[in-house]
Amino acid sequence: MRRVFVLLILLVTVSYFGAFEALAQDAAESASGFGFQALKEKFIEGGWSFMSLVLACLIFGLAFCIERIITLNIATTNTDKLMSSIDDYLASGDIAGAMELTKSTPGPAASVLYEGLRHAEYGPEAVEKAIVSYGGVQMGLLEKGLVWISLFIAIAPMLGFMGTVIGMIGAFDRIEAVGDISPTVVAGGIKVALLTTVFGLITAIILQIFYNYIISKVDGITGRMEDASIGLVDMMFKNNIFKRA
């Protein structure tokens, strides 16, 4: 997955510079109505210094989101089918077969079940302790990278608001230099200020939607993992695995 993430970073970086070059070429063109061309024009009008930083937050934030979504989809396991197969192995006393099954099955639930089976010979307390300990490790892996997405969600509107403040300062500087408070003097600075705010908020909204989706996926995987862990201990008692060990 690290290779996939690196490739995603390279792709979005190349796309970023390509998009920025295209924006620079189209800066002189006028756009009418609503559409992608109008969006590009507004992006350029907002000022490349802050707009490029907001765009970078969006690109890298989406890269982390895509990496997490791919990883979590791979980690999603049909725990019901897995537990049924483990039950068949345990009913015949084949703990080694159950361990091999969980070891070859991708996903955090299978990894936690493998750790529980591996400690079967030490009794139910050891199994429960192994499940709890390794479950915490798997939770950390599932939530890996979420802190960066949260960071970009927080930074994007802050950059937009900073652009707003700087735009307003520029507007007041023009008023001071011209000595006039007519709308034409301050319109440019106010427009830049509002555009940076809008793009910063749009970036934060997009990343927040992906972030909530990822959190829901993590919660779902965690719930299935906990249910499978509890079911494993009950299954071991039912098949007298601890007595055999």
C-alpha atoms as a PDB file:
ATOM      1  CA  MET A   1       0.000   0.000   0.000  1.00  0.00           C
ATOM      2  CA  ARG A   2       2.944   2.330   0.517  1.00  0.00           C
ATOM      3  CA  ARG A   3       3.772   1.994  -3.182  1.00  0.00           C
ATOM      4  CA  VAL A   4       0.179   2.814  -4.106  1.00  0.00           C
ATOM      5  CA  PHE A   5       0.252   5.882  -1.871  1.00  0.00           C
ATOM      6  CA  VAL A   6       3.554   7.093  -3.355  1.00  0.00           C
ATOM      7  CA  LEU A   7       2.144   6.677  -6.871  1.00  0.00           C
ATOM      8  CA  LEU A   8      -0.946   8.642  -5.876  1.00  0.00           C
ATOM      9  CA  ILE A   9       1.194  11.450  -4.484  1.00  0.00           C
ATOM     10  CA  LEU A  10       3.211  11.579  -7.715  1.00  0.00           C
ATOM     11  CA  LEU A  11       0.076  11.584  -9.847  1.00  0.00           C
ATOM     12  CA  VAL A  12      -1.643  14.346  -7.906  1.00  0.00           C
ATOM     13  CA  THR A  13       1.555  16.398  -7.842  1.00  0.00           C
ATOM     14  CA  VAL A  14       1.927  16.144 -11.615  1.00  0.00           C
ATOM     15  CA  SER A  15      -1.766  16.958 -12.009  1.00  0.00           C
ATOM     16  CA  TYR A  16      -1.316  19.956  -9.709  1.00  0.00           C
ATOM     17  CA  PHE A  17       1.477  21.506 -11.760  1.00  0.00           C
ATOM     18  CA  GLY A  18      -0.307  20.648 -14.996  1.00  0.00           C
ATOM     19  CA  ALA A  19      -3.506  22.267 -13.790  1.00  0.00           C
ATOM     20  CA  PHE A  20      -1.625  25.321 -12.567  1.00  0.00           C
ATOM     21  CA  GLU A  21       0.078  25.726 -15.965  1.00  0.00           C
ATOM     22  CA  ALA A  22      -3.285  25.428 -17.701  1.00  0.00           C
ATOM     23  CA  LEU A  23      -4.736  28.044 -15.371  1.00  0.00           C
ATOM     24  CA  ALA A  24      -1.891  30.401 -16.160  1.00  0.00           C
ATOM     25  CA  GLN A  25      -2.467  29.974 -19.902  1.00  0.00           C
ATOM     26  CA  ASP A  26      -6.198  30.601 -19.572  1.00  0.00           C
ATOM     27  CA  ALA A  27      -5.862  33.533 -17.188  1.00  0.00           C
ATOM     28  CA  ALA A  28      -6.352  36.103 -19.949  1.00  0.00           C
ATOM     29  CA  GLU A  29      -9.465  34.390 -21.331  1.00  0.00           C
ATOM     30  CA  SER A  30     -12.876  35.605 -20.256  1.00  0.00           C
ATOM     31  CA  ALA A  31     -15.477  33.187 -18.987  1.00  0.00           C
ATOM     32  CA  SER A  32     -19.216  33.593 -19.118  1.00  0.00           C
ATOM     33  CA  GLY A  33     -21.821  31.911 -16.943  1.00  0.00           C
ATOM     34  CA  PHE A  34     -21.116  29.021 -14.619  1.00  0.00           C
ATOM     35  CA  GLY A  35     -18.766  26.191 -15.488  1.00  0.00           C
ATOM     36  CA  PHE A  36     -15.239  24.956 -15.254  1.00  0.00           C
ATOM     37  CA  GLN A  37     -13.871  27.900 -17.247  1.00  0.00           C
ATOM     38  CA  ALA A  38     -15.521  30.348 -14.851  1.00  0.00           C
ATOM     39  CA  LEU A  39     -14.114  28.418 -11.909  1.00  0.00           C
ATOM     40  CA  LYS A  40     -10.609  28.656 -13.338  1.00  0.00           C
ATOM     41  CA  GLU A  41     -10.992  32.372 -13.904  1.00  0.00           C
ATOM     42  CA  LYS A  42     -12.133  32.942 -10.338  1.00  0.00           C
ATOM     43  CA  PHE A  43      -9.208  30.851  -9.104  1.00  0.00           C
ATOM     44  CA  ILE A  44      -6.747  33.094 -10.937  1.00  0.00           C
ATOM     45  CA  GLU A  45      -8.501  36.248  -9.764  1.00  0.00           C
ATOM     46  CA  GLY A  46      -8.138  35.099  -6.172  1.00  0.00           C
ATOM     47  CA  GLY A  47      -4.353  35.387  -6.393  1.00  0.00           C
ATOM     48  CA  TRP A  48      -1.952  32.526  -7.049  1.00  0.00           C
ATOM     49  CA  SER A  49      -0.096  32.857  -3.715  1.00  0.00           C
ATOM     50  CA  PHE A  50      -2.952  31.751  -1.454  1.00  0.00           C
ATOM     51  CA  MET A  51      -5.044  29.932  -4.033  1.00  0.00           C
ATOM     52  CA  SER A  52      -2.155  27.579  -4.859  1.00  0.00           C
ATOM     53  CA  LEU A  53      -1.780  26.742  -1.158  1.00  0.00           C
ATOM     54  CA  VAL A  54      -5.490  25.993  -0.863  1.00  0.00           C
ATOM     55  CA  LEU A  55      -5.307  23.829  -4.004  1.00  0.00           C
ATOM     56  CA  ALA A  56      -2.309  21.982  -2.555  1.00  0.00           C
ATOM     57  CA  CYS A  57      -4.350  21.249   0.604  1.00  0.00           C
ATOM     58  CA  LEU A  58      -7.143  19.839  -1.554  1.00  0.00           C
ATOM     59  CA  ILE A  59      -4.817  17.674  -3.668  1.00  0.00           C
ATOM     60  CA  PHE A  60      -2.794  16.187  -0.826  1.00  0.00           C
ATOM     61  CA  GLY A  61      -5.900  15.806   1.328  1.00  0.00           C
ATOM     62  CA  LEU A  62      -7.609  13.859  -1.461  1.00  0.00           C
ATOM     63  CA  ALA A  63      -4.471  11.728  -1.876  1.00  0.00           C
ATOM     64  CA  PHE A  64      -4.645  10.669   1.781  1.00  0.00           C
ATOM     65  CA  CYS A  65      -8.405  10.087   1.467  1.00  0.00           C
ATOM     66  CA  ILE A  66      -8.009   7.855  -1.598  1.00  0.00           C
ATOM     67  CA  GLU A  67      -5.230   5.883   0.083  1.00  0.00           C
ATOM     68  CA  ARG A  68      -7.374   5.297   3.182  1.00  0.00           C
ATOM     69  CA  ILE A  69     -10.442   4.306   1.154  1.00  0.00           C
ATOM     70  CA  ILE A  70      -8.451   1.775  -0.890  1.00  0.00           C
ATOM     71  CA  THR A  71      -6.839   0.350   2.253  1.00  0.00           C
ATOM     72  CA  LEU A  72     -10.128   0.084   4.139  1.00  0.00           C
ATOM     73  CA  ASN A  73     -11.894  -1.567   1.213  1.00  0.00           C
ATOM     74  CA  ILE A  74      -9.140  -4.181   1.075  1.00  0.00           C
ATOM     75  CA  ALA A  75      -9.379  -4.607   4.863  1.00  0.00           C
ATOM     76  CA  THR A  76     -13.131  -5.291   4.716  1.00  0.00           C
ATOM     77  CA  THR A  77     -13.669  -9.013   5.337  1.00  0.00           C
ATOM     78  CA  ASN A  78     -16.780 -11.172   5.256  1.00  0.00           C
ATOM     79  CA  THR A  79     -16.508 -12.065   8.938  1.00  0.00           C
ATOM     80  CA  ASP A  80     -19.622 -14.262   8.934  1.00  0.00           C
ATOM     81  CA  LYS A  81     -18.165 -16.565   6.311  1.00  0.00           C
ATOM     82  CA  LEU A  82     -14.779 -16.526   8.044  1.00  0.00           C
ATOM     83  CA  MET A  83     -16.279 -17.377  11.439  1.00  0.00           C
ATOM     84  CA  SER A  84     -18.289 -20.230   9.905  1.00  0.00           C
ATOM     85  CA  SER A  85     -15.110 -21.712   8.415  1.00  0.00           C
ATOM     86  CA  ILE A  86     -13.249 -21.327  11.717  1.00  0.00           C
ATOM     87  CA  ASP A  87     -16.109 -23.069  13.523  1.00  0.00           C
ATOM     88  CA  ASP A  88     -15.783 -26.043  11.166  1.00  0.00           C
ATOM     89  CA  TYR A  89     -12.055 -26.306  11.876  1.00  0.00           C
ATOM     90  CA  LEU A  90     -12.513 -25.993  15.634  1.00  0.00           C
ATOM     91  CA  ALA A  91     -15.303 -28.589  15.665  1.00  0.00           C
ATOM     92  CA  SER A  92     -12.835 -31.103  14.254  1.00  0.00           C
ATOM     93  CA  GLY A  93     -10.093 -29.939  16.643  1.00  0.00           C
ATOM     94  CA  ASP A  94      -7.953 -28.547  13.814  1.00  0.00           C
ATOM     95  CA  ILE A  95      -6.622 -25.359  15.411  1.00  0.00           C
ATOM     96  CA  ALA A  96      -3.683 -25.290  12.990  1.00  0.00           C
ATOM     97  CA  GLY A  97      -6.098 -25.274  10.048  1.00  0.00           C
ATOM     98  CA  ALA A  98      -8.067 -22.403  11.556  1.00  0.00           C
ATOM     99  CA  MET A  99      -4.855 -20.464  12.123  1.00  0.00           C
ATOM    100  CA  GLU A 100      -3.766 -21.026   8.537  1.00  0.00           C
ATOM    101  CA  LEU A 101      -7.158 -19.814   7.306  1.00  0.00           C
ATOM    102  CA  THR A 102      -7.022 -16.585   9.311  1.00  0.00           C
ATOM    103  CA  LYS A 103      -3.386 -16.030   8.375  1.00  0.00           C
ATOM    104  CA  SER A 104      -4.187 -16.229   4.650  1.00  0.00           C
ATOM    105  CA  THR A 105      -7.273 -13.972   4.944  1.00  0.00           C
ATOM    106  CA  PRO A 106      -6.630 -10.220   4.542  1.00  0.00           C
ATOM    107  CA  GLY A 107      -8.042  -7.687   6.970  1.00  0.00           C
ATOM    108  CA  PRO A 108      -7.691  -6.679  10.630  1.00  0.00           C
ATOM    109  CA  ALA A 109     -10.480  -9.007  11.816  1.00  0.00           C
ATOM    110  CA  ALA A 110      -8.636 -12.051  10.477  1.00  0.00           C
ATOM    111  CA  SER A 111      -5.371 -10.846  12.049  1.00  0.00           C
ATOM    112  CA  VAL A 112      -7.011 -10.438  15.468  1.00  0.00           C
ATOM    113  CA  LEU A 113      -8.606 -13.882  15.207  1.00  0.00           C
ATOM    114  CA  TYR A 114      -5.238 -15.361  14.308  1.00  0.00           C
ATOM    115  CA  GLU A 115      -3.688 -13.896  17.459  1.00  0.00           C
ATOM    116  CA  GLY A 116      -6.531 -15.321  19.542  1.00  0.00           C
ATOM    117  CA  LEU A 117      -6.118 -18.797  18.034  1.00  0.00           C
ATOM    118  CA  ARG A 118      -2.369 -18.632  18.529  1.00  0.00           C
ATOM    119  CA  HIS A 119      -2.858 -18.218  22.288  1.00  0.00           C
ATOM    120  CA  ALA A 120      -5.518 -20.941  22.625  1.00  0.00           C
ATOM    121  CA  GLU A 121      -3.195 -23.291  24.506  1.00  0.00           C
ATOM    122  CA  TYR A 122      -2.725 -20.725  27.298  1.00  0.00           C
ATOM    123  CA  GLY A 123      -6.406 -20.516  28.246  1.00  0.00           C
ATOM    124  CA  PRO A 124      -9.320 -18.100  27.707  1.00  0.00           C
ATOM    125  CA  GLU A 125      -7.700 -15.244  29.655  1.00  0.00           C
ATOM    126  CA  ALA A 126      -4.653 -15.310  27.382  1.00  0.00           C
ATOM    127  CA  VAL A 127      -6.866 -15.403  24.298  1.00  0.00           C
ATOM    128  CA  GLU A 128      -8.900 -12.409  25.444  1.00  0.00           C
ATOM    129  CA  LYS A 129      -5.767 -10.466  26.372  1.00  0.00           C
ATOM    130  CA  ALA A 130      -4.162 -11.191  22.990  1.00  0.00           C
ATOM    131  CA  ILE A 131      -7.333 -10.108  21.188  1.00  0.00           C
ATOM    132  CA  VAL A 132      -7.578  -6.842  23.121  1.00  0.00           C
ATOM    133  CA  SER A 133      -3.877  -6.019  22.717  1.00  0.00           C
ATOM    134  CA  TYR A 134      -3.677  -6.787  19.022  1.00  0.00           C
ATOM    135  CA  GLY A 135      -7.060  -5.155  18.407  1.00  0.00           C
ATOM    136  CA  GLY A 136      -5.585  -1.877  19.615  1.00  0.00           C
ATOM    137  CA  VAL A 137      -2.707  -2.253  17.163  1.00  0.00           C
ATOM    138  CA  GLN A 138      -5.125  -2.868  14.290  1.00  0.00           C
ATOM    139  CA  MET A 139      -7.181   0.173  15.301  1.00  0.00           C
ATOM    140  CA  GLY A 140      -4.078   2.329  15.026  1.00  0.00           C
ATOM    141  CA  LEU A 141      -3.392   0.974  11.538  1.00  0.00           C
ATOM    142  CA  LEU A 142      -6.977   1.627  10.436  1.00  0.00           C
ATOM    143  CA  GLU A 143      -6.804   5.249  11.611  1.00  0.00           C
ATOM    144  CA  LYS A 144      -3.379   5.862  10.096  1.00  0.00           C
ATOM    145  CA  GLY A 145      -3.283   9.061   8.050  1.00  0.00           C
ATOM    146  CA  LEU A 146      -6.529  10.500   9.411  1.00  0.00           C
ATOM    147  CA  VAL A 147      -4.634  13.134  11.368  1.00  0.00           C
ATOM    148  CA  TRP A 148      -3.253  14.541   8.092  1.00  0.00           C
ATOM    149  CA  ILE A 149      -6.723  14.735   6.557  1.00  0.00           C
ATOM    150  CA  SER A 150      -7.905  16.601   9.668  1.00  0.00           C
ATOM    151  CA  LEU A 151      -4.948  18.940   9.314  1.00  0.00           C
ATOM    152  CA  PHE A 152      -5.804  19.842   5.717  1.00  0.00           C
ATOM    153  CA  ILE A 153      -9.469  20.320   6.661  1.00  0.00           C
ATOM    154  CA  ALA A 154      -8.392  22.838   9.303  1.00  0.00           C
ATOM    155  CA  ILE A 155      -5.682  24.583   7.254  1.00  0.00           C
ATOM    156  CA  ALA A 156      -7.685  25.189   4.053  1.00  0.00           C
ATOM    157  CA  PRO A 157     -10.261  27.622   5.521  1.00  0.00           C
ATOM    158  CA  MET A 158      -7.542  29.257   7.627  1.00  0.00           C
ATOM    159  CA  LEU A 159      -5.573  30.016   4.465  1.00  0.00           C
ATOM    160  CA  GLY A 160      -8.758  31.358   2.911  1.00  0.00           C
ATOM    161  CA  PHE A 161      -9.406  33.637   5.860  1.00  0.00           C
ATOM    162  CA  MET A 162      -5.786  34.793   5.804  1.00  0.00           C
ATOM    163  CA  GLY A 163      -6.204  35.682   2.154  1.00  0.00           C
ATOM    164  CA  THR A 164      -9.339  37.589   3.131  1.00  0.00           C
ATOM    165  CA  VAL A 165      -7.486  39.626   5.724  1.00  0.00           C
ATOM    166  CA  ILE A 166      -4.635  40.385   3.335  1.00  0.00           C
ATOM    167  CA  GLY A 167      -7.113  41.365   0.621  1.00  0.00           C
ATOM    168  CA  MET A 168      -8.865  43.761   2.988  1.00  0.00           C
ATOM    169  CA  ILE A 169      -5.537  45.263   4.019  1.00  0.00           C
ATOM    170  CA  GLY A 170      -4.744  45.808   0.346  1.00  0.00           C
ATOM    171  CA  ALA A 171      -8.105  47.512  -0.129  1.00  0.00           C
ATOM    172  CA  PHE A 172      -7.434  49.913   2.736  1.00  0.00           C
ATOM    173  CA  ASP A 173      -3.952  50.592   1.376  1.00  0.00           C
ATOM    174  CA  ARG A 174      -5.524  51.673  -1.918  1.00  0.00           C
ATOM    175  CA  ILE A 175      -7.942  53.933  -0.070  1.00  0.00           C
ATOM    176  CA  GLU A 176      -5.028  55.525   1.784  1.00  0.00           C
ATOM    177  CA  ALA A 177      -2.990  55.965  -1.385  1.00  0.00           C
ATOM    178  CA  VAL A 178      -5.816  57.418  -3.487  1.00  0.00           C
ATOM    179  CA  GLY A 179      -7.517  59.323  -0.713  1.00  0.00           C
ATOM    180  CA  ASP A 180     -10.897  58.202  -1.967  1.00  0.00           C
ATOM    181  CA  ILE A 181     -13.338  55.576  -0.693  1.00  0.00           C
ATOM    182  CA  SER A 182     -15.177  54.990  -3.962  1.00  0.00           C
ATOM    183  CA  PRO A 183     -16.271  51.387  -4.742  1.00  0.00           C
ATOM    184  CA  THR A 184     -13.924  51.089  -7.717  1.00  0.00           C
ATOM    185  CA  VAL A 185     -10.918  51.640  -5.476  1.00  0.00           C
ATOM    186  CA  VAL A 186     -11.678  48.878  -2.991  1.00  0.00           C
ATOM    187  CA  ALA A 187     -13.612  46.427  -5.190  1.00  0.00           C
ATOM    188  CA  GLY A 188     -10.518  44.529  -6.329  1.00  0.00           C
ATOM    189  CA  GLY A 189      -9.181  43.851  -2.847  1.00  0.00           C
ATOM    190  CA  ILE A 190     -12.582  42.856  -1.481  1.00  0.00           C
ATOM    191  CA  LYS A 191     -13.165  40.497  -4.423  1.00  0.00           C
ATOM    192  CA  VAL A 192      -9.834  38.736  -3.822  1.00  0.00           C
ATOM    193  CA  ALA A 193     -10.663  38.483  -0.125  1.00  0.00           C
ATOM    194  CA  LEU A 194     -14.014  36.824  -0.760  1.00  0.00           C
ATOM    195  CA  LEU A 195     -12.659  34.409  -3.393  1.00  0.00           C
ATOM    196  CA  THR A 196      -9.937  33.043  -1.119  1.00  0.00           C
ATOM    197  CA  THR A 197     -12.503  32.451   1.613  1.00  0.00           C
ATOM    198  CA  VAL A 198     -14.877  30.649  -0.757  1.00  0.00           C
ATOM    199  CA  PHE A 199     -12.211  28.308  -2.155  1.00  0.00           C
ATOM    200  CA  GLY A 200     -10.878  27.555   1.325  1.00  0.00           C
ATOM    201  CA  LEU A 201     -14.351  26.614   2.555  1.00  0.00           C
ATOM    202  CA  ILE A 202     -15.054  24.492  -0.551  1.00  0.00           C
ATOM    203  CA  THR A 203     -11.824  22.562   0.016  1.00  0.00           C
ATOM    204  CA  ALA A 204     -12.667  21.957   3.672  1.00  0.00           C
ATOM    205  CA  ILE A 205     -16.198  20.783   2.793  1.00  0.00           C
ATOM    206  CA  ILE A 206     -14.954  18.287   0.185  1.00  0.00           C
ATOM    207  CA  LEU A 207     -12.332  16.820   2.513  1.00  0.00           C
ATOM    208  CA  GLN A 208     -14.796  16.715   5.427  1.00  0.00           C
ATOM    209  CA  ILE A 209     -17.198  14.572   3.382  1.00  0.00           C
ATOM    210  CA  PHE A 210     -14.438  12.092   2.566  1.00  0.00           C
ATOM    211  CA  TYR A 211     -13.232  12.164   6.190  1.00  0.00           C
ATOM    212  CA  ASN A 212     -16.676  11.275   7.548  1.00  0.00           C
ATOM    213  CA  TYR A 213     -16.996   8.454   5.020  1.00  0.00           C
ATOM    214  CA  ILE A 214     -13.617   7.060   6.096  1.00  0.00           C
ATOM    215  CA  ILE A 215     -14.589   7.295   9.779  1.00  0.00           C
ATOM    216  CA  SER A 216     -17.789   5.368   9.064  1.00  0.00           C
ATOM    217  CA  LYS A 217     -15.764   2.674   7.290  1.00  0.00           C
ATOM    218  CA  VAL A 218     -13.359   2.426  10.243  1.00  0.00           C
ATOM    219  CA  ASP A 219     -16.264   2.165  12.699  1.00  0.00           C
ATOM    220  CA  GLY A 220     -17.862  -0.586  10.618  1.00  0.00           C
ATOM    221  CA  ILE A 221     -14.641  -2.611  10.409  1.00  0.00           C
ATOM    222  CA  THR A 222     -14.017  -2.115  14.133  1.00  0.00           C
ATOM    223  CA  GLY A 223     -17.518  -3.294  15.014  1.00  0.00           C
ATOM    224  CA  ARG A 224     -17.177  -6.438  12.916  1.00  0.00           C
ATOM    225  CA  MET A 225     -13.742  -7.065  14.397  1.00  0.00           C
ATOM    226  CA  GLU A 226     -15.072  -6.830  17.971  1.00  0.00           C
ATOM    227  CA  ASP A 227     -18.041  -9.103  17.205  1.00  0.00           C
ATOM    228  CA  ALA A 228     -15.748 -11.680  15.616  1.00  0.00           C
ATOM    229  CA  SER A 229     -13.374 -11.558  18.603  1.00  0.00           C
ATOM    230  CA  ILE A 230     -16.182 -12.181  21.092  1.00  0.00           C
ATOM    231  CA  GLY A 231     -17.570 -14.917  18.889  1.00  0.00           C
ATOM    232  CA  LEU A 232     -14.191 -16.646  18.713  1.00  0.00           C
ATOM    233  CA  VAL A 233     -13.957 -17.063  22.483  1.00  0.00           C
ATOM    234  CA  ASP A 234     -17.512 -18.421  22.643  1.00  0.00           C
ATOM    235  CA  MET A 235     -16.707 -20.753  19.778  1.00  0.00           C
ATOM    236  CA  MET A 236     -13.650 -22.073  21.589  1.00  0.00           C
ATOM    237  CA  PHE A 237     -15.701 -22.829  24.692  1.00  0.00           C
ATOM    238  CA  LYS A 238     -18.391 -24.525  22.615  1.00  0.00           C
ATOM    239  CA  ASN A 239     -15.893 -26.830  20.913  1.00  0.00           C
ATOM    240  CA  ASN A 240     -13.912 -27.494  24.130  1.00  0.00           C
ATOM    241  CA  ILE A 241     -10.723 -26.109  22.621  1.00  0.00           C
ATOM    242  CA  PHE A 242      -9.332 -24.994  25.977  1.00  0.00           C
ATOM    243  CA  LYS A 243      -9.777 -28.473  27.471  1.00  0.00           C
ATOM    244  CA  ARG A 244      -8.066 -30.074  24.488  1.00  0.00           C
ATOM    245  CA  ALA A 245      -5.179 -27.629  24.712  1.00  0.00           C
END
